[in-house]
């Protein structure tokens, strides 16, 4: 589809790119079509991740004497809009306390140089990219992930971990040697995000990642550390796709080339939250009408 651009996208972030890979029409409706800005519809699981990250960053900042107004907890919590906000924040404090108690924060404090909540911008071969990094440890990107909270499904760590500890028992599992693997083998979305972050800190080969994941299981919280590489092949292919996205949006000053939307329940109700672009999306309306009719006929 060739659609008019009424507001220009001035950079590509990893989140915008990942959204583009799922639904180009969503990026068009929320970024390019000129509609009033609508904040994403986020569930309690996403709020949990935001709160946990904020509490840990606040802890690290105080330990390292970092004074950054962006890290102030009252500011972060004030911006959260969710009906279960207070309960989620309380839960995040409990999980963050376990993370600190079991030494995960100490692993980060061992770094000589820590930067937190850094927004970085860079132009690469004519494509502007921007990202807000959770942390940069000794010049390398670091990220936190949370999974399984406020979900009907529990989360299990990926097999290729370097370190694992139970929040309840404190039992530690650490392989004798850190498994060697490329991140895209277990989570291409994480790999995409970490490649953007590597680019933003000025690394264009020998890509490295380090991630701490918090997995919620029925009777336990599992803290996991992953460390390894991302292949140059994956990074080169990724940049080719990013450049193509930029060209589709910007080659014609007044129009963008957008793939036809393919609505589905999983795509349009990710994490059980309706896509914020649905209020503008005629394709979603038609799909919803067809789905309702099908349900009635089956009944």
C-alpha atoms as a PDB file:
ATOM      1  CA  UNK A   1       0.000   0.000   0.000  1.00  0.00           C
ATOM      2  CA  UNK A   2       1.119   3.552  -0.721  1.00  0.00           C
ATOM      3  CA  UNK A   3      -0.112   5.740   2.140  1.00  0.00           C
ATOM      4  CA  UNK A   4       0.374   9.469   2.822  1.00  0.00           C
ATOM      5  CA  UNK A   5       2.932  10.501   5.444  1.00  0.00           C
ATOM      6  CA  UNK A   6       1.560  13.316   7.597  1.00  0.00           C
ATOM      7  CA  UNK A   7       4.126  13.100  10.401  1.00  0.00           C
ATOM      8  CA  UNK A   8       7.707  12.015   9.744  1.00  0.00           C
ATOM      9  CA  UNK A   9       9.582   9.383  11.711  1.00  0.00           C
ATOM     10  CA  UNK A  10      12.921  10.950  12.671  1.00  0.00           C
ATOM     11  CA  UNK A  11      14.693   7.793  13.858  1.00  0.00           C
ATOM     12  CA  UNK A  12      14.262   4.032  14.218  1.00  0.00           C
ATOM     13  CA  UNK A  13      14.422   2.340  17.621  1.00  0.00           C
ATOM     14  CA  UNK A  14      14.611  -1.392  18.223  1.00  0.00           C
ATOM     15  CA  UNK A  15      11.017  -1.415  19.516  1.00  0.00           C
ATOM     16  CA  UNK A  16       9.715   0.419  16.431  1.00  0.00           C
ATOM     17  CA  UNK A  17      11.637  -1.956  14.172  1.00  0.00           C
ATOM     18  CA  UNK A  18      10.281  -5.035  15.967  1.00  0.00           C
ATOM     19  CA  UNK A  19       6.755  -3.628  15.673  1.00  0.00           C
ATOM     20  CA  UNK A  20       7.379  -3.036  11.945  1.00  0.00           C
ATOM     21  CA  UNK A  21       8.372  -6.682  11.533  1.00  0.00           C
ATOM     22  CA  UNK A  22       5.041  -7.750  13.026  1.00  0.00           C
ATOM     23  CA  UNK A  23       2.747  -5.098  11.534  1.00  0.00           C
ATOM     24  CA  UNK A  24       3.938  -2.242   9.326  1.00  0.00           C
ATOM     25  CA  UNK A  25       0.443  -0.765   9.395  1.00  0.00           C
ATOM     26  CA  UNK A  26       0.652  -0.266  13.173  1.00  0.00           C
ATOM     27  CA  UNK A  27       3.826   1.790  12.759  1.00  0.00           C
ATOM     28  CA  UNK A  28       2.086   3.805  10.054  1.00  0.00           C
ATOM     29  CA  UNK A  29      -1.027   4.485  12.154  1.00  0.00           C
ATOM     30  CA  UNK A  30       0.848   5.374  15.348  1.00  0.00           C
ATOM     31  CA  UNK A  31       3.866   7.206  13.883  1.00  0.00           C
ATOM     32  CA  UNK A  32       3.169   8.463  10.353  1.00  0.00           C
ATOM     33  CA  UNK A  33      -0.562   8.989   9.804  1.00  0.00           C
ATOM     34  CA  UNK A  34      -0.867  12.183  11.855  1.00  0.00           C
ATOM     35  CA  UNK A  35      -3.235  10.777  14.484  1.00  0.00           C
ATOM     36  CA  UNK A  36      -3.025  12.074  18.063  1.00  0.00           C
ATOM     37  CA  UNK A  37      -0.466  10.127  20.048  1.00  0.00           C
ATOM     38  CA  UNK A  38      -1.892   7.141  21.891  1.00  0.00           C
ATOM     39  CA  UNK A  39       0.206   5.495  24.609  1.00  0.00           C
ATOM     40  CA  UNK A  40       0.597   1.719  24.224  1.00  0.00           C
ATOM     41  CA  UNK A  41      -1.925  -0.439  26.040  1.00  0.00           C
ATOM     42  CA  UNK A  42       0.274  -2.267  28.540  1.00  0.00           C
ATOM     43  CA  UNK A  43      -0.659  -5.045  30.925  1.00  0.00           C
ATOM     44  CA  UNK A  44       0.483  -5.761  34.451  1.00  0.00           C
ATOM     45  CA  UNK A  45       3.368  -7.908  33.154  1.00  0.00           C
ATOM     46  CA  UNK A  46       4.937  -4.949  31.340  1.00  0.00           C
ATOM     47  CA  UNK A  47       4.338  -2.697  34.356  1.00  0.00           C
ATOM     48  CA  UNK A  48       6.110  -5.283  36.511  1.00  0.00           C
ATOM     49  CA  UNK A  49       9.169  -5.110  34.268  1.00  0.00           C
ATOM     50  CA  UNK A  50       9.216  -1.309  34.385  1.00  0.00           C
ATOM     51  CA  UNK A  51       8.923  -1.238  38.189  1.00  0.00           C
ATOM     52  CA  UNK A  52      11.560  -3.932  38.760  1.00  0.00           C
ATOM     53  CA  UNK A  53      14.031  -2.172  36.451  1.00  0.00           C
ATOM     54  CA  UNK A  54      13.401   1.168  38.158  1.00  0.00           C
ATOM     55  CA  UNK A  55      13.922  -0.210  41.681  1.00  0.00           C
ATOM     56  CA  UNK A  56      17.185  -1.939  40.749  1.00  0.00           C
ATOM     57  CA  UNK A  57      18.488   1.129  38.906  1.00  0.00           C
ATOM     58  CA  UNK A  58      17.658   3.253  41.944  1.00  0.00           C
ATOM     59  CA  UNK A  59      19.607   0.812  44.150  1.00  0.00           C
ATOM     60  CA  UNK A  60      22.640   0.796  41.844  1.00  0.00           C
ATOM     61  CA  UNK A  61      22.580   4.581  41.481  1.00  0.00           C
ATOM     62  CA  UNK A  62      22.628   5.082  45.249  1.00  0.00           C
ATOM     63  CA  UNK A  63      25.461   2.568  45.677  1.00  0.00           C
ATOM     64  CA  UNK A  64      27.535   4.261  42.958  1.00  0.00           C
ATOM     65  CA  UNK A  65      26.611   7.854  43.851  1.00  0.00           C
ATOM     66  CA  UNK A  66      24.907   8.462  40.500  1.00  0.00           C
ATOM     67  CA  UNK A  67      22.617  11.507  40.523  1.00  0.00           C
ATOM     68  CA  UNK A  68      20.183  11.243  37.607  1.00  0.00           C
ATOM     69  CA  UNK A  69      16.670  12.746  37.867  1.00  0.00           C
ATOM     70  CA  UNK A  70      15.375  10.219  35.321  1.00  0.00           C
ATOM     71  CA  UNK A  71      16.033   7.460  37.867  1.00  0.00           C
ATOM     72  CA  UNK A  72      13.889   8.974  40.643  1.00  0.00           C
ATOM     73  CA  UNK A  73      11.361   6.333  41.667  1.00  0.00           C
ATOM     74  CA  UNK A  74       8.547   8.773  42.394  1.00  0.00           C
ATOM     75  CA  UNK A  75       8.862  10.090  38.844  1.00  0.00           C
ATOM     76  CA  UNK A  76       8.825   6.596  37.341  1.00  0.00           C
ATOM     77  CA  UNK A  77       5.846   5.411  39.414  1.00  0.00           C
ATOM     78  CA  UNK A  78       3.868   8.602  38.774  1.00  0.00           C
ATOM     79  CA  UNK A  79       3.946   7.935  35.024  1.00  0.00           C
ATOM     80  CA  UNK A  80       2.454   4.444  35.404  1.00  0.00           C
ATOM     81  CA  UNK A  81      -1.244   4.198  34.572  1.00  0.00           C
ATOM     82  CA  UNK A  82      -2.762   0.860  35.559  1.00  0.00           C
ATOM     83  CA  UNK A  83      -5.633  -0.204  37.784  1.00  0.00           C
ATOM     84  CA  UNK A  84      -3.408  -2.617  39.770  1.00  0.00           C
ATOM     85  CA  UNK A  85      -0.468  -0.209  39.937  1.00  0.00           C
ATOM     86  CA  UNK A  86       0.026  -0.295  43.732  1.00  0.00           C
ATOM     87  CA  UNK A  87      -0.054  -4.094  43.935  1.00  0.00           C
ATOM     88  CA  UNK A  88       2.386  -4.433  41.027  1.00  0.00           C
ATOM     89  CA  UNK A  89       4.804  -1.945  42.592  1.00  0.00           C
ATOM     90  CA  UNK A  90       4.664  -3.821  45.910  1.00  0.00           C
ATOM     91  CA  UNK A  91       5.368  -7.115  44.115  1.00  0.00           C
ATOM     92  CA  UNK A  92       8.260  -5.523  42.218  1.00  0.00           C
ATOM     93  CA  UNK A  93       9.840  -4.445  45.523  1.00  0.00           C
ATOM     94  CA  UNK A  94       9.661  -8.039  46.788  1.00  0.00           C
ATOM     95  CA  UNK A  95      11.278  -9.448  43.632  1.00  0.00           C
ATOM     96  CA  UNK A  96      13.928  -6.712  43.544  1.00  0.00           C
ATOM     97  CA  UNK A  97      14.730  -7.479  47.197  1.00  0.00           C
ATOM     98  CA  UNK A  98      15.372 -11.113  46.318  1.00  0.00           C
ATOM     99  CA  UNK A  99      17.520 -10.069  43.337  1.00  0.00           C
ATOM    100  CA  UNK A 100      19.681  -7.933  45.632  1.00  0.00           C
ATOM    101  CA  UNK A 101      19.733 -10.512  48.445  1.00  0.00           C
ATOM    102  CA  UNK A 102      21.069 -13.244  46.153  1.00  0.00           C
ATOM    103  CA  UNK A 103      23.957 -11.157  44.836  1.00  0.00           C
ATOM    104  CA  UNK A 104      22.784 -10.310  41.315  1.00  0.00           C
ATOM    105  CA  UNK A 105      23.148  -6.566  41.905  1.00  0.00           C
ATOM    106  CA  UNK A 106      26.656  -7.124  43.307  1.00  0.00           C
ATOM    107  CA  UNK A 107      27.655  -8.678  39.988  1.00  0.00           C
ATOM    108  CA  UNK A 108      26.813  -5.357  38.313  1.00  0.00           C
ATOM    109  CA  UNK A 109      28.390  -3.202  41.026  1.00  0.00           C
ATOM    110  CA  UNK A 110      31.697  -4.962  40.305  1.00  0.00           C
ATOM    111  CA  UNK A 111      31.884  -2.945  37.053  1.00  0.00           C
ATOM    112  CA  UNK A 112      34.309  -0.029  37.095  1.00  0.00           C
ATOM    113  CA  UNK A 113      32.026   2.251  35.078  1.00  0.00           C
ATOM    114  CA  UNK A 114      28.216   2.114  35.265  1.00  0.00           C
ATOM    115  CA  UNK A 115      25.843   4.270  33.259  1.00  0.00           C
ATOM    116  CA  UNK A 116      22.098   3.882  33.813  1.00  0.00           C
ATOM    117  CA  UNK A 117      19.086   4.785  31.669  1.00  0.00           C
ATOM    118  CA  UNK A 118      21.148   6.257  28.845  1.00  0.00           C
ATOM    119  CA  UNK A 119      19.403   7.592  25.735  1.00  0.00           C
ATOM    120  CA  UNK A 120      21.772   7.393  22.774  1.00  0.00           C
ATOM    121  CA  UNK A 121      21.484   8.512  19.143  1.00  0.00           C
ATOM    122  CA  UNK A 122      23.607   7.618  16.138  1.00  0.00           C
ATOM    123  CA  UNK A 123      23.342   7.808  12.339  1.00  0.00           C
ATOM    124  CA  UNK A 124      24.596   4.680  10.569  1.00  0.00           C
ATOM    125  CA  UNK A 125      24.961   4.782   6.777  1.00  0.00           C
ATOM    126  CA  UNK A 126      22.229   7.396   6.556  1.00  0.00           C
ATOM    127  CA  UNK A 127      19.831   5.680   8.981  1.00  0.00           C
ATOM    128  CA  UNK A 128      19.261   7.457  12.324  1.00  0.00           C
ATOM    129  CA  UNK A 129      18.731   5.123  15.283  1.00  0.00           C
ATOM    130  CA  UNK A 130      17.880   5.879  18.889  1.00  0.00           C
ATOM    131  CA  UNK A 131      17.632   3.754  22.005  1.00  0.00           C
ATOM    132  CA  UNK A 132      17.295   4.010  25.756  1.00  0.00           C
ATOM    133  CA  UNK A 133      19.660   1.506  27.332  1.00  0.00           C
ATOM    134  CA  UNK A 134      18.942   0.062  30.771  1.00  0.00           C
ATOM    135  CA  UNK A 135      22.622   0.087  31.632  1.00  0.00           C
ATOM    136  CA  UNK A 136      26.095   0.327  30.119  1.00  0.00           C
ATOM    137  CA  UNK A 137      28.694  -1.583  32.117  1.00  0.00           C
ATOM    138  CA  UNK A 138      32.340  -0.801  31.332  1.00  0.00           C
ATOM    139  CA  UNK A 139      31.278   0.441  27.902  1.00  0.00           C
ATOM    140  CA  UNK A 140      29.086  -2.565  26.996  1.00  0.00           C
ATOM    141  CA  UNK A 141      25.276  -2.760  26.925  1.00  0.00           C
ATOM    142  CA  UNK A 142      23.374  -4.628  29.625  1.00  0.00           C
ATOM    143  CA  UNK A 143      19.665  -5.373  29.863  1.00  0.00           C
ATOM    144  CA  UNK A 144      17.087  -6.761  32.309  1.00  0.00           C
ATOM    145  CA  UNK A 145      14.187  -8.966  31.211  1.00  0.00           C
ATOM    146  CA  UNK A 146      11.154 -10.210  33.149  1.00  0.00           C
ATOM    147  CA  UNK A 147       8.885 -13.070  32.062  1.00  0.00           C
ATOM    148  CA  UNK A 148       5.930 -14.977  33.432  1.00  0.00           C
ATOM    149  CA  UNK A 149       4.495 -12.340  35.772  1.00  0.00           C
ATOM    150  CA  UNK A 150       0.703 -11.859  35.666  1.00  0.00           C
ATOM    151  CA  UNK A 151       0.438 -14.546  33.031  1.00  0.00           C
ATOM    152  CA  UNK A 152      -1.396 -17.849  32.922  1.00  0.00           C
ATOM    153  CA  UNK A 153       1.854 -19.382  31.690  1.00  0.00           C
ATOM    154  CA  UNK A 154       4.937 -19.792  33.876  1.00  0.00           C
ATOM    155  CA  UNK A 155       8.346 -18.916  32.441  1.00  0.00           C
ATOM    156  CA  UNK A 156      11.356 -21.192  32.309  1.00  0.00           C
ATOM    157  CA  UNK A 157      14.907 -19.926  31.713  1.00  0.00           C
ATOM    158  CA  UNK A 158      16.617 -20.641  28.424  1.00  0.00           C
ATOM    159  CA  UNK A 159      19.034 -23.550  28.684  1.00  0.00           C
ATOM    160  CA  UNK A 160      22.158 -21.572  27.786  1.00  0.00           C
ATOM    161  CA  UNK A 161      22.532 -19.685  31.048  1.00  0.00           C
ATOM    162  CA  UNK A 162      25.789 -18.743  32.741  1.00  0.00           C
ATOM    163  CA  UNK A 163      24.304 -18.477  36.243  1.00  0.00           C
ATOM    164  CA  UNK A 164      20.953 -19.293  37.855  1.00  0.00           C
ATOM    165  CA  UNK A 165      19.633 -18.793  41.391  1.00  0.00           C
ATOM    166  CA  UNK A 166      16.309 -19.618  43.046  1.00  0.00           C
ATOM    167  CA  UNK A 167      14.677 -16.656  44.753  1.00  0.00           C
ATOM    168  CA  UNK A 168      13.048 -18.919  47.359  1.00  0.00           C
ATOM    169  CA  UNK A 169      15.817 -21.370  48.299  1.00  0.00           C
ATOM    170  CA  UNK A 170      18.861 -19.438  47.144  1.00  0.00           C
ATOM    171  CA  UNK A 171      20.131 -22.556  45.355  1.00  0.00           C
ATOM    172  CA  UNK A 172      22.703 -21.587  42.730  1.00  0.00           C
ATOM    173  CA  UNK A 173      23.297 -23.442  39.473  1.00  0.00           C
ATOM    174  CA  UNK A 174      26.319 -22.426  37.412  1.00  0.00           C
ATOM    175  CA  UNK A 175      27.871 -24.517  34.622  1.00  0.00           C
ATOM    176  CA  UNK A 176      31.601 -25.203  34.925  1.00  0.00           C
ATOM    177  CA  UNK A 177      32.042 -23.347  31.651  1.00  0.00           C
ATOM    178  CA  UNK A 178      29.777 -20.641  30.265  1.00  0.00           C
ATOM    179  CA  UNK A 179      27.900 -22.095  27.256  1.00  0.00           C
ATOM    180  CA  UNK A 180      29.049 -20.546  23.981  1.00  0.00           C
ATOM    181  CA  UNK A 181      26.128 -19.515  21.784  1.00  0.00           C
ATOM    182  CA  UNK A 182      24.794 -16.643  19.718  1.00  0.00           C
ATOM    183  CA  UNK A 183      21.815 -14.871  21.280  1.00  0.00           C
ATOM    184  CA  UNK A 184      19.719 -15.047  18.108  1.00  0.00           C
ATOM    185  CA  UNK A 185      19.642 -18.834  18.547  1.00  0.00           C
ATOM    186  CA  UNK A 186      17.433 -18.545  21.639  1.00  0.00           C
ATOM    187  CA  UNK A 187      15.714 -15.159  21.278  1.00  0.00           C
ATOM    188  CA  UNK A 188      15.895 -13.174  18.019  1.00  0.00           C
ATOM    189  CA  UNK A 189      13.957 -10.234  19.530  1.00  0.00           C
ATOM    190  CA  UNK A 190      16.494  -9.876  22.345  1.00  0.00           C
ATOM    191  CA  UNK A 191      19.304 -10.166  19.807  1.00  0.00           C
ATOM    192  CA  UNK A 192      17.754  -7.396  17.713  1.00  0.00           C
ATOM    193  CA  UNK A 193      17.506  -5.078  20.712  1.00  0.00           C
ATOM    194  CA  UNK A 194      21.070  -5.799  21.845  1.00  0.00           C
ATOM    195  CA  UNK A 195      22.464  -5.241  18.349  1.00  0.00           C
ATOM    196  CA  UNK A 196      20.821  -1.786  18.306  1.00  0.00           C
ATOM    197  CA  UNK A 197      22.427  -1.139  21.704  1.00  0.00           C
ATOM    198  CA  UNK A 198      25.843  -2.312  20.488  1.00  0.00           C
ATOM    199  CA  UNK A 199      25.571   0.044  17.508  1.00  0.00           C
ATOM    200  CA  UNK A 200      24.621   2.908  19.816  1.00  0.00           C
ATOM    201  CA  UNK A 201      27.691   2.428  22.038  1.00  0.00           C
ATOM    202  CA  UNK A 202      29.889   2.272  18.928  1.00  0.00           C
ATOM    203  CA  UNK A 203      30.410  -1.466  18.453  1.00  0.00           C
ATOM    204  CA  UNK A 204      29.989  -2.718  14.887  1.00  0.00           C
ATOM    205  CA  UNK A 205      31.590  -6.168  15.151  1.00  0.00           C
ATOM    206  CA  UNK A 206      32.390  -8.727  17.856  1.00  0.00           C
ATOM    207  CA  UNK A 207      28.917  -8.145  19.285  1.00  0.00           C
ATOM    208  CA  UNK A 208      28.535  -8.919  22.965  1.00  0.00           C
ATOM    209  CA  UNK A 209      25.531  -9.223  25.213  1.00  0.00           C
ATOM    210  CA  UNK A 210      24.819  -9.623  28.895  1.00  0.00           C
ATOM    211  CA  UNK A 211      21.278 -10.061  30.205  1.00  0.00           C
ATOM    212  CA  UNK A 212      19.726 -10.726  33.604  1.00  0.00           C
ATOM    213  CA  UNK A 213      16.330 -12.381  33.331  1.00  0.00           C
ATOM    214  CA  UNK A 214      13.726 -12.755  36.076  1.00  0.00           C
ATOM    215  CA  UNK A 215      11.417 -15.738  35.464  1.00  0.00           C
ATOM    216  CA  UNK A 216       8.229 -16.118  37.480  1.00  0.00           C
ATOM    217  CA  UNK A 217       7.259 -19.713  38.160  1.00  0.00           C
ATOM    218  CA  UNK A 218       4.337 -21.047  40.189  1.00  0.00           C
ATOM    219  CA  UNK A 219       6.225 -21.321  43.476  1.00  0.00           C
ATOM    220  CA  UNK A 220       9.495 -19.553  42.793  1.00  0.00           C
ATOM    221  CA  UNK A 221      11.282 -16.635  41.184  1.00  0.00           C
ATOM    222  CA  UNK A 222      14.313 -17.654  39.118  1.00  0.00           C
ATOM    223  CA  UNK A 223      17.109 -15.166  38.426  1.00  0.00           C
ATOM    224  CA  UNK A 224      19.236 -15.994  35.401  1.00  0.00           C
ATOM    225  CA  UNK A 225      22.346 -14.485  33.839  1.00  0.00           C
ATOM    226  CA  UNK A 226      23.118 -14.929  30.143  1.00  0.00           C
ATOM    227  CA  UNK A 227      26.339 -13.817  28.502  1.00  0.00           C
ATOM    228  CA  UNK A 228      27.641 -14.357  25.005  1.00  0.00           C
ATOM    229  CA  UNK A 229      27.777 -13.060  21.471  1.00  0.00           C
ATOM    230  CA  UNK A 230      25.558 -12.138  18.549  1.00  0.00           C
ATOM    231  CA  UNK A 231      26.779 -13.148  15.101  1.00  0.00           C
ATOM    232  CA  UNK A 232      27.959 -10.634  12.497  1.00  0.00           C
ATOM    233  CA  UNK A 233      25.724 -12.449  10.017  1.00  0.00           C
ATOM    234  CA  UNK A 234      22.638 -11.684  12.101  1.00  0.00           C
ATOM    235  CA  UNK A 235      23.728  -8.056  12.581  1.00  0.00           C
ATOM    236  CA  UNK A 236      24.370  -7.522   8.853  1.00  0.00           C
ATOM    237  CA  UNK A 237      20.996  -8.966   7.898  1.00  0.00           C
ATOM    238  CA  UNK A 238      19.335  -6.857  10.580  1.00  0.00           C
ATOM    239  CA  UNK A 239      20.866  -3.642   9.287  1.00  0.00           C
ATOM    240  CA  UNK A 240      19.752  -4.502   5.753  1.00  0.00           C
ATOM    241  CA  UNK A 241      16.182  -4.814   7.028  1.00  0.00           C
ATOM    242  CA  UNK A 242      16.441  -1.594   9.054  1.00  0.00           C
ATOM    243  CA  UNK A 243      17.731   0.294   6.021  1.00  0.00           C
ATOM    244  CA  UNK A 244      14.913  -1.107   3.871  1.00  0.00           C
ATOM    245  CA  UNK A 245      12.374   0.019   6.498  1.00  0.00           C
ATOM    246  CA  UNK A 246      13.852   3.535   6.453  1.00  0.00           C
ATOM    247  CA  UNK A 247      13.690   3.629   2.650  1.00  0.00           C
ATOM    248  CA  UNK A 248      10.041   2.492   2.601  1.00  0.00           C
ATOM    249  CA  UNK A 249       9.187   5.357   4.936  1.00  0.00           C
ATOM    250  CA  UNK A 250      11.453   8.095   3.549  1.00  0.00           C
ATOM    251  CA  UNK A 251      12.321   7.501  -0.133  1.00  0.00           C
ATOM    252  CA  UNK A 252       9.132   9.280  -1.175  1.00  0.00           C
ATOM    253  CA  UNK A 253       8.897  12.515   0.806  1.00  0.00           C
ATOM    254  CA  UNK A 254       5.105  12.429   0.986  1.00  0.00           C
ATOM    255  CA  UNK A 255       4.238   8.724   0.999  1.00  0.00           C
ATOM    256  CA  UNK A 256       5.273   5.462   2.616  1.00  0.00           C
ATOM    257  CA  UNK A 257       5.162   1.937   1.235  1.00  0.00           C
ATOM    258  CA  UNK A 258       3.345  -0.204   3.814  1.00  0.00           C
ATOM    259  CA  UNK A 259       2.543  -3.921   3.695  1.00  0.00           C
ATOM    260  CA  UNK A 260      -1.127  -4.916   3.866  1.00  0.00           C
ATOM    261  CA  UNK A 261      -2.161  -5.574   7.481  1.00  0.00           C
ATOM    262  CA  UNK A 262      -3.016  -9.136   8.470  1.00  0.00           C
ATOM    263  CA  UNK A 263      -5.099  -8.849  11.679  1.00  0.00           C
ATOM    264  CA  UNK A 264      -5.279 -11.795  14.058  1.00  0.00           C
ATOM    265  CA  UNK A 265      -6.079 -12.219  17.712  1.00  0.00           C
ATOM    266  CA  UNK A 266      -2.463 -12.898  18.719  1.00  0.00           C
ATOM    267  CA  UNK A 267      -1.185  -9.901  16.756  1.00  0.00           C
ATOM    268  CA  UNK A 268      -3.873  -7.403  17.730  1.00  0.00           C
ATOM    269  CA  UNK A 269      -4.230  -8.509  21.383  1.00  0.00           C
ATOM    270  CA  UNK A 270      -0.619  -9.148  22.373  1.00  0.00           C
ATOM    271  CA  UNK A 271      -0.256  -9.854  26.104  1.00  0.00           C
ATOM    272  CA  UNK A 272      -4.075  -9.743  26.269  1.00  0.00           C
ATOM    273  CA  UNK A 273      -4.064  -5.985  25.533  1.00  0.00           C
ATOM    274  CA  UNK A 274      -5.774  -4.567  22.483  1.00  0.00           C
ATOM    275  CA  UNK A 275      -3.359  -2.825  20.108  1.00  0.00           C
ATOM    276  CA  UNK A 276      -3.560   0.939  20.607  1.00  0.00           C
ATOM    277  CA  UNK A 277      -3.746   1.415  16.821  1.00  0.00           C
ATOM    278  CA  UNK A 278      -7.007  -0.571  16.677  1.00  0.00           C
ATOM    279  CA  UNK A 279      -9.067   2.617  17.133  1.00  0.00           C
ATOM    280  CA  UNK A 280      -7.739   3.846  13.758  1.00  0.00           C
ATOM    281  CA  UNK A 281      -7.456   0.522  11.934  1.00  0.00           C
ATOM    282  CA  UNK A 282     -10.199  -0.277   9.402  1.00  0.00           C
ATOM    283  CA  UNK A 283      -8.619  -3.678   8.737  1.00  0.00           C
ATOM    284  CA  UNK A 284      -9.009  -4.534  12.418  1.00  0.00           C
ATOM    285  CA  UNK A 285     -12.660  -3.419  12.347  1.00  0.00           C
ATOM    286  CA  UNK A 286     -13.368  -5.660   9.345  1.00  0.00           C
ATOM    287  CA  UNK A 287     -11.518  -8.587  10.934  1.00  0.00           C
ATOM    288  CA  UNK A 288     -13.414  -8.123  14.198  1.00  0.00           C
ATOM    289  CA  UNK A 289     -16.729  -8.045  12.361  1.00  0.00           C
ATOM    290  CA  UNK A 290     -15.875 -11.240  10.451  1.00  0.00           C
ATOM    291  CA  UNK A 291     -14.720 -12.936  13.657  1.00  0.00           C
ATOM    292  CA  UNK A 292     -17.948 -12.027  15.434  1.00  0.00           C
ATOM    293  CA  UNK A 293     -20.030 -13.398  12.569  1.00  0.00           C
ATOM    294  CA  UNK A 294     -18.019 -16.635  12.520  1.00  0.00           C
ATOM    295  CA  UNK A 295     -18.547 -17.061  16.266  1.00  0.00           C
ATOM    296  CA  UNK A 296     -22.289 -16.518  15.860  1.00  0.00           C
ATOM    297  CA  UNK A 297     -22.481 -19.056  13.049  1.00  0.00           C
ATOM    298  CA  UNK A 298     -20.554 -21.620  15.097  1.00  0.00           C
ATOM    299  CA  UNK A 299     -22.887 -21.026  18.038  1.00  0.00           C
END
